[in-house]
Amino acid sequence: MQLAAFPLASHLFPGGIMQLRIFEPRYVRMVKECCAQQCGFALAMIEEQHTEAEKQMLALGTLATHVKIIDFDQLEDGFFSITIQGVERVKIHDIRGDDDGLLVAQTIPLTNWAPSETPSHAQSMVLKLKAFFRSNPEYAALYPHFDYQNAVWLCYRWLEILPLSCQQKQSLLSRDSHQDTLRFLQALFQQIDEQDAEHDE
């Protein structure tokens, strides 16, 4: 599957929703073509500190997210405001750059993690995510519903929010199921809770 690639330091995974303001000519073209062809593009993970040159050199085998545009608005300055939703994980198999700098990747779709009921021992993660949404109403407003009791949805949202490295996220996303991610997140939050308890003493 051939998809335009959009490197971004804000990460999005299947089921996630994000708003983007598009102003670079190469990405304006990408949005126009996606809308005309009713296709999506590959949102590729990069670190915030990557240079522009590094952003244009996505490694083969890198995981990205195939996203679709679910809302579109042309702004007065001619730029675009788009809302995107993650569809599936994809692996970058080959990549090239067009004359205007737009990256075009050959991607291999990966099977989405199968939905799974959030276990009782992970309910604290649900409460923390609800608290995050309450504290960030502009983010919560993007979602028509919240699938807290789907452990896969829960894991994806936390991977989007937490300041983990791309390497950590790539490693977790490469697994065949969400179980390793769930265990990783539970251990992480347990460590944070223990540190908070020590500070309160």
C-alpha atoms as a PDB file:
ATOM      1  CA  MET A   1       0.000   0.000   0.000  1.00  0.00           C
ATOM      2  CA  GLN A   2       1.495   3.331  -1.079  1.00  0.00           C
ATOM      3  CA  LEU A   3       0.928   6.212   1.331  1.00  0.00           C
ATOM      4  CA  ALA A   4       2.327   9.702   1.713  1.00  0.00           C
ATOM      5  CA  ALA A   5       4.351   9.875   4.935  1.00  0.00           C
ATOM      6  CA  PHE A   6       3.956  12.694   7.434  1.00  0.00           C
ATOM      7  CA  PRO A   7       6.646  12.684  10.179  1.00  0.00           C
ATOM      8  CA  LEU A   8       5.322  14.081  13.451  1.00  0.00           C
ATOM      9  CA  ALA A   9       6.549  14.287  17.045  1.00  0.00           C
ATOM     10  CA  SER A  10       2.947  13.967  18.302  1.00  0.00           C
ATOM     11  CA  HIS A  11       1.981  10.325  17.989  1.00  0.00           C
ATOM     12  CA  LEU A  12      -1.334   8.739  17.041  1.00  0.00           C
ATOM     13  CA  PHE A  13      -2.374   5.093  16.996  1.00  0.00           C
ATOM     14  CA  PRO A  14      -5.445   3.125  15.852  1.00  0.00           C
ATOM     15  CA  GLY A  15      -8.656   4.662  17.191  1.00  0.00           C
ATOM     16  CA  GLY A  16      -6.917   7.886  18.202  1.00  0.00           C
ATOM     17  CA  ILE A  17      -8.066  11.299  16.970  1.00  0.00           C
ATOM     18  CA  MET A  18      -5.966  14.409  16.382  1.00  0.00           C
ATOM     19  CA  GLN A  19      -6.281  17.845  14.798  1.00  0.00           C
ATOM     20  CA  LEU A  20      -3.531  19.202  12.542  1.00  0.00           C
ATOM     21  CA  ARG A  21      -2.931  22.570  10.901  1.00  0.00           C
ATOM     22  CA  ILE A  22      -1.353  21.991   7.492  1.00  0.00           C
ATOM     23  CA  PHE A  23       0.646  24.824   5.939  1.00  0.00           C
ATOM     24  CA  GLU A  24       3.743  23.435   4.184  1.00  0.00           C
ATOM     25  CA  PRO A  25       3.101  23.208   0.405  1.00  0.00           C
ATOM     26  CA  ARG A  26       4.087  19.524   0.224  1.00  0.00           C
ATOM     27  CA  TYR A  27       1.581  18.614   2.930  1.00  0.00           C
ATOM     28  CA  VAL A  28      -1.114  20.871   1.472  1.00  0.00           C
ATOM     29  CA  ARG A  29      -0.705  18.793  -1.703  1.00  0.00           C
ATOM     30  CA  MET A  30      -0.853  15.625   0.364  1.00  0.00           C
ATOM     31  CA  VAL A  31      -4.159  16.656   1.948  1.00  0.00           C
ATOM     32  CA  LYS A  32      -5.674  17.638  -1.394  1.00  0.00           C
ATOM     33  CA  GLU A  33      -4.698  14.303  -2.926  1.00  0.00           C
ATOM     34  CA  CYS A  34      -5.940  12.346   0.079  1.00  0.00           C
ATOM     35  CA  CYS A  35      -9.313  14.064  -0.110  1.00  0.00           C
ATOM     36  CA  ALA A  36      -9.576  13.642  -3.897  1.00  0.00           C
ATOM     37  CA  GLN A  37      -8.616   9.965  -3.788  1.00  0.00           C
ATOM     38  CA  GLN A  38     -10.379   9.239  -0.469  1.00  0.00           C
ATOM     39  CA  CYS A  39      -7.202   7.705   0.883  1.00  0.00           C
ATOM     40  CA  GLY A  40      -5.228   8.330   4.022  1.00  0.00           C
ATOM     41  CA  PHE A  41      -1.566   8.855   4.793  1.00  0.00           C
ATOM     42  CA  ALA A  42       1.070   7.386   7.082  1.00  0.00           C
ATOM     43  CA  LEU A  43       1.711   9.296  10.289  1.00  0.00           C
ATOM     44  CA  ALA A  44       5.291   8.437  11.202  1.00  0.00           C
ATOM     45  CA  MET A  45       6.777   8.794  14.679  1.00  0.00           C
ATOM     46  CA  ILE A  46       9.790  11.042  15.199  1.00  0.00           C
ATOM     47  CA  GLU A  47      11.389  12.539  18.294  1.00  0.00           C
ATOM     48  CA  GLU A  48      10.812  16.230  19.035  1.00  0.00           C
ATOM     49  CA  GLN A  49      14.543  16.960  18.780  1.00  0.00           C
ATOM     50  CA  HIS A  50      15.039  15.430  15.330  1.00  0.00           C
ATOM     51  CA  THR A  51      16.450  17.799  12.741  1.00  0.00           C
ATOM     52  CA  GLU A  52      14.608  18.463   9.484  1.00  0.00           C
ATOM     53  CA  ALA A  53      17.065  16.214   7.642  1.00  0.00           C
ATOM     54  CA  GLU A  54      16.476  13.386  10.106  1.00  0.00           C
ATOM     55  CA  LYS A  55      12.716  13.764   9.724  1.00  0.00           C
ATOM     56  CA  GLN A  56      13.122  13.047   6.029  1.00  0.00           C
ATOM     57  CA  MET A  57      15.085   9.818   6.611  1.00  0.00           C
ATOM     58  CA  LEU A  58      12.609   7.364   8.092  1.00  0.00           C
ATOM     59  CA  ALA A  59      14.249   3.984   8.471  1.00  0.00           C
ATOM     60  CA  LEU A  60      12.891   0.992   6.609  1.00  0.00           C
ATOM     61  CA  GLY A  61      10.988  -1.245   8.974  1.00  0.00           C
ATOM     62  CA  THR A  62       9.749   1.729  10.988  1.00  0.00           C
ATOM     63  CA  LEU A  63       6.181   1.412  12.226  1.00  0.00           C
ATOM     64  CA  ALA A  64       3.742   4.178  11.375  1.00  0.00           C
ATOM     65  CA  THR A  65      -0.020   4.630  11.628  1.00  0.00           C
ATOM     66  CA  HIS A  66      -2.276   4.691   8.609  1.00  0.00           C
ATOM     67  CA  VAL A  67      -4.659   7.562   9.310  1.00  0.00           C
ATOM     68  CA  LYS A  68      -7.751   8.860   7.542  1.00  0.00           C
ATOM     69  CA  ILE A  69      -9.032  12.425   7.352  1.00  0.00           C
ATOM     70  CA  ILE A  70     -12.412  12.591   9.102  1.00  0.00           C
ATOM     71  CA  ASP A  71     -12.886  16.377   9.019  1.00  0.00           C
ATOM     72  CA  PHE A  72     -11.464  19.081   6.798  1.00  0.00           C
ATOM     73  CA  ASP A  73     -11.597  22.872   6.753  1.00  0.00           C
ATOM     74  CA  GLN A  74      -9.808  25.342   4.484  1.00  0.00           C
ATOM     75  CA  LEU A  75      -8.671  28.351   6.471  1.00  0.00           C
ATOM     76  CA  GLU A  76      -8.725  31.986   5.342  1.00  0.00           C
ATOM     77  CA  ASP A  77      -4.968  31.940   4.794  1.00  0.00           C
ATOM     78  CA  GLY A  78      -5.350  29.051   2.327  1.00  0.00           C
ATOM     79  CA  PHE A  79      -3.993  26.487   4.746  1.00  0.00           C
ATOM     80  CA  PHE A  80      -5.944  23.495   6.056  1.00  0.00           C
ATOM     81  CA  SER A  81      -7.225  22.346   9.415  1.00  0.00           C
ATOM     82  CA  ILE A  82      -7.806  18.613   9.396  1.00  0.00           C
ATOM     83  CA  THR A  83      -8.963  16.040  11.912  1.00  0.00           C
ATOM     84  CA  ILE A  84      -7.443  12.603  11.500  1.00  0.00           C
ATOM     85  CA  GLN A  85      -8.187   9.206  13.009  1.00  0.00           C
ATOM     86  CA  GLY A  86      -5.817   6.263  13.314  1.00  0.00           C
ATOM     87  CA  VAL A  87      -6.863   3.212  11.287  1.00  0.00           C
ATOM     88  CA  GLU A  88      -4.102   0.596  11.536  1.00  0.00           C
ATOM     89  CA  ARG A  89      -0.417   0.043  12.173  1.00  0.00           C
ATOM     90  CA  VAL A  90       1.763  -0.203   9.071  1.00  0.00           C
ATOM     91  CA  LYS A  91       5.410  -1.027   8.497  1.00  0.00           C
ATOM     92  CA  ILE A  92       7.440   1.116   6.086  1.00  0.00           C
ATOM     93  CA  HIS A  93       8.834  -1.217   3.420  1.00  0.00           C
ATOM     94  CA  ASP A  94      10.302   1.363   1.012  1.00  0.00           C
ATOM     95  CA  ILE A  95      10.381   5.152   0.870  1.00  0.00           C
ATOM     96  CA  ARG A  96      11.197   7.887  -1.624  1.00  0.00           C
ATOM     97  CA  GLY A  97      11.035  11.672  -1.719  1.00  0.00           C
ATOM     98  CA  ASP A  98       9.119  13.635  -4.356  1.00  0.00           C
ATOM     99  CA  ASP A  99      10.570  16.800  -5.888  1.00  0.00           C
ATOM    100  CA  ASP A 100       8.740  18.986  -3.352  1.00  0.00           C
ATOM    101  CA  GLY A 101      10.062  16.960  -0.413  1.00  0.00           C
ATOM    102  CA  LEU A 102       6.935  14.912   0.257  1.00  0.00           C
ATOM    103  CA  LEU A 103       7.837  11.412   1.392  1.00  0.00           C
ATOM    104  CA  VAL A 104       5.981   8.516  -0.222  1.00  0.00           C
ATOM    105  CA  ALA A 105       6.197   5.134   1.492  1.00  0.00           C
ATOM    106  CA  GLN A 106       5.383   1.621   0.453  1.00  0.00           C
ATOM    107  CA  THR A 107       3.781   0.175   3.560  1.00  0.00           C
ATOM    108  CA  ILE A 108       2.737  -3.236   4.801  1.00  0.00           C
ATOM    109  CA  PRO A 109      -0.466  -3.274   6.895  1.00  0.00           C
ATOM    110  CA  LEU A 110      -0.235  -4.999  10.266  1.00  0.00           C
ATOM    111  CA  THR A 111      -3.178  -6.747  11.880  1.00  0.00           C
ATOM    112  CA  ASN A 112      -4.734  -4.564  14.556  1.00  0.00           C
ATOM    113  CA  TRP A 113      -4.650  -5.825  18.116  1.00  0.00           C
ATOM    114  CA  ALA A 114      -7.834  -7.727  18.896  1.00  0.00           C
ATOM    115  CA  PRO A 115     -10.173  -5.868  21.293  1.00  0.00           C
ATOM    116  CA  SER A 116      -9.973  -7.161  24.844  1.00  0.00           C
ATOM    117  CA  GLU A 117     -11.909  -6.326  27.984  1.00  0.00           C
ATOM    118  CA  THR A 118      -9.971  -4.129  30.392  1.00  0.00           C
ATOM    119  CA  PRO A 119      -9.113  -6.362  33.389  1.00  0.00           C
ATOM    120  CA  SER A 120     -10.103  -5.374  36.902  1.00  0.00           C
ATOM    121  CA  HIS A 121      -6.468  -4.900  37.936  1.00  0.00           C
ATOM    122  CA  ALA A 122      -6.086  -2.197  35.256  1.00  0.00           C
ATOM    123  CA  GLN A 123      -9.039  -0.067  36.379  1.00  0.00           C
ATOM    124  CA  SER A 124      -6.680   2.464  37.983  1.00  0.00           C
ATOM    125  CA  MET A 125      -5.399   3.191  34.467  1.00  0.00           C
ATOM    126  CA  VAL A 126      -8.980   3.906  33.433  1.00  0.00           C
ATOM    127  CA  LEU A 127      -9.436   6.359  36.305  1.00  0.00           C
ATOM    128  CA  LYS A 128      -6.180   8.113  35.446  1.00  0.00           C
ATOM    129  CA  LEU A 129      -7.161   8.428  31.786  1.00  0.00           C
ATOM    130  CA  LYS A 130     -10.564   9.837  32.734  1.00  0.00           C
ATOM    131  CA  ALA A 131      -8.781  12.381  34.915  1.00  0.00           C
ATOM    132  CA  PHE A 132      -6.503  13.281  31.993  1.00  0.00           C
ATOM    133  CA  PHE A 133      -9.483  13.902  29.723  1.00  0.00           C
ATOM    134  CA  ARG A 134     -11.157  16.065  32.393  1.00  0.00           C
ATOM    135  CA  SER A 135      -7.972  18.130  32.662  1.00  0.00           C
ATOM    136  CA  ASN A 136      -7.687  18.433  28.863  1.00  0.00           C
ATOM    137  CA  PRO A 137     -11.224  19.151  27.598  1.00  0.00           C
ATOM    138  CA  GLU A 138      -9.992  20.263  24.156  1.00  0.00           C
ATOM    139  CA  TYR A 139      -8.495  16.803  23.681  1.00  0.00           C
ATOM    140  CA  ALA A 140     -11.523  15.011  25.089  1.00  0.00           C
ATOM    141  CA  ALA A 141     -13.820  16.974  22.753  1.00  0.00           C
ATOM    142  CA  LEU A 142     -12.309  15.173  19.755  1.00  0.00           C
ATOM    143  CA  TYR A 143     -13.798  11.846  20.856  1.00  0.00           C
ATOM    144  CA  PRO A 144     -17.486  11.055  20.286  1.00  0.00           C
ATOM    145  CA  HIS A 145     -17.168   8.204  22.810  1.00  0.00           C
ATOM    146  CA  PHE A 146     -14.584   6.709  25.125  1.00  0.00           C
ATOM    147  CA  ASP A 147     -13.899   2.978  24.967  1.00  0.00           C
ATOM    148  CA  TYR A 148     -12.335   2.655  28.428  1.00  0.00           C
ATOM    149  CA  GLN A 149     -13.304  -0.980  28.868  1.00  0.00           C
ATOM    150  CA  ASN A 150     -11.420  -2.015  25.744  1.00  0.00           C
ATOM    151  CA  ALA A 151      -7.869  -2.638  26.977  1.00  0.00           C
ATOM    152  CA  VAL A 152      -6.447  -2.094  23.483  1.00  0.00           C
ATOM    153  CA  TRP A 153      -8.041   1.364  23.213  1.00  0.00           C
ATOM    154  CA  LEU A 154      -6.773   2.146  26.708  1.00  0.00           C
ATOM    155  CA  CYS A 155      -3.211   1.107  25.848  1.00  0.00           C
ATOM    156  CA  TYR A 156      -3.146   3.096  22.610  1.00  0.00           C
ATOM    157  CA  ARG A 157      -4.345   6.281  24.308  1.00  0.00           C
ATOM    158  CA  TRP A 158      -1.697   6.014  27.023  1.00  0.00           C
ATOM    159  CA  LEU A 159       1.034   5.378  24.449  1.00  0.00           C
ATOM    160  CA  GLU A 160      -0.046   8.568  22.684  1.00  0.00           C
ATOM    161  CA  ILE A 161      -0.024  10.637  25.869  1.00  0.00           C
ATOM    162  CA  LEU A 162       3.036   9.419  27.767  1.00  0.00           C
ATOM    163  CA  PRO A 163       6.448  10.964  26.994  1.00  0.00           C
ATOM    164  CA  LEU A 164       8.072   7.693  25.978  1.00  0.00           C
ATOM    165  CA  SER A 165      10.800   7.501  23.366  1.00  0.00           C
ATOM    166  CA  CYS A 166      10.016   6.473  19.809  1.00  0.00           C
ATOM    167  CA  GLN A 167      12.170   3.403  20.377  1.00  0.00           C
ATOM    168  CA  GLN A 168      10.029   2.330  23.342  1.00  0.00           C
ATOM    169  CA  LYS A 169       6.802   2.907  21.457  1.00  0.00           C
ATOM    170  CA  GLN A 170       8.077   1.129  18.345  1.00  0.00           C
ATOM    171  CA  SER A 171       9.094  -1.871  20.447  1.00  0.00           C
ATOM    172  CA  LEU A 172       5.696  -2.130  22.134  1.00  0.00           C
ATOM    173  CA  LEU A 173       3.738  -1.546  18.921  1.00  0.00           C
ATOM    174  CA  SER A 174       5.656  -4.283  17.120  1.00  0.00           C
ATOM    175  CA  ARG A 175       4.156  -6.973  19.390  1.00  0.00           C
ATOM    176  CA  ASP A 176       1.343  -9.213  18.205  1.00  0.00           C
ATOM    177  CA  SER A 177      -0.974  -8.200  21.038  1.00  0.00           C
ATOM    178  CA  HIS A 178      -1.495  -5.457  23.612  1.00  0.00           C
ATOM    179  CA  GLN A 179      -0.526  -7.642  26.574  1.00  0.00           C
ATOM    180  CA  ASP A 180       3.092  -6.493  26.820  1.00  0.00           C
ATOM    181  CA  THR A 181       1.985  -2.877  26.601  1.00  0.00           C
ATOM    182  CA  LEU A 182      -0.595  -3.392  29.330  1.00  0.00           C
ATOM    183  CA  ARG A 183       1.993  -4.957  31.625  1.00  0.00           C
ATOM    184  CA  PHE A 184       4.494  -2.196  30.857  1.00  0.00           C
ATOM    185  CA  LEU A 185       1.954   0.541  31.614  1.00  0.00           C
ATOM    186  CA  GLN A 186       0.803  -1.094  34.835  1.00  0.00           C
ATOM    187  CA  ALA A 187       4.389  -1.373  36.067  1.00  0.00           C
ATOM    188  CA  LEU A 188       5.076   2.227  35.079  1.00  0.00           C
ATOM    189  CA  PHE A 189       2.041   3.585  36.910  1.00  0.00           C
ATOM    190  CA  GLN A 190       2.789   1.445  39.953  1.00  0.00           C
ATOM    191  CA  GLN A 191       6.268   2.964  40.090  1.00  0.00           C
ATOM    192  CA  ILE A 192       4.840   6.480  39.753  1.00  0.00           C
ATOM    193  CA  ASP A 193       2.282   5.827  42.517  1.00  0.00           C
ATOM    194  CA  GLU A 194       5.005   4.495  44.827  1.00  0.00           C
ATOM    195  CA  GLN A 195       7.167   7.558  44.189  1.00  0.00           C
ATOM    196  CA  ASP A 196       4.207   9.871  44.877  1.00  0.00           C
ATOM    197  CA  ALA A 197       3.497   8.014  48.133  1.00  0.00           C
ATOM    198  CA  GLU A 198       7.115   8.457  49.240  1.00  0.00           C
ATOM    199  CA  HIS A 199       6.945  12.180  48.540  1.00  0.00           C
ATOM    200  CA  ASP A 200       3.752  12.495  50.601  1.00  0.00           C
ATOM    201  CA  GLU A 201       5.305  10.890  53.651  1.00  0.00           C
END
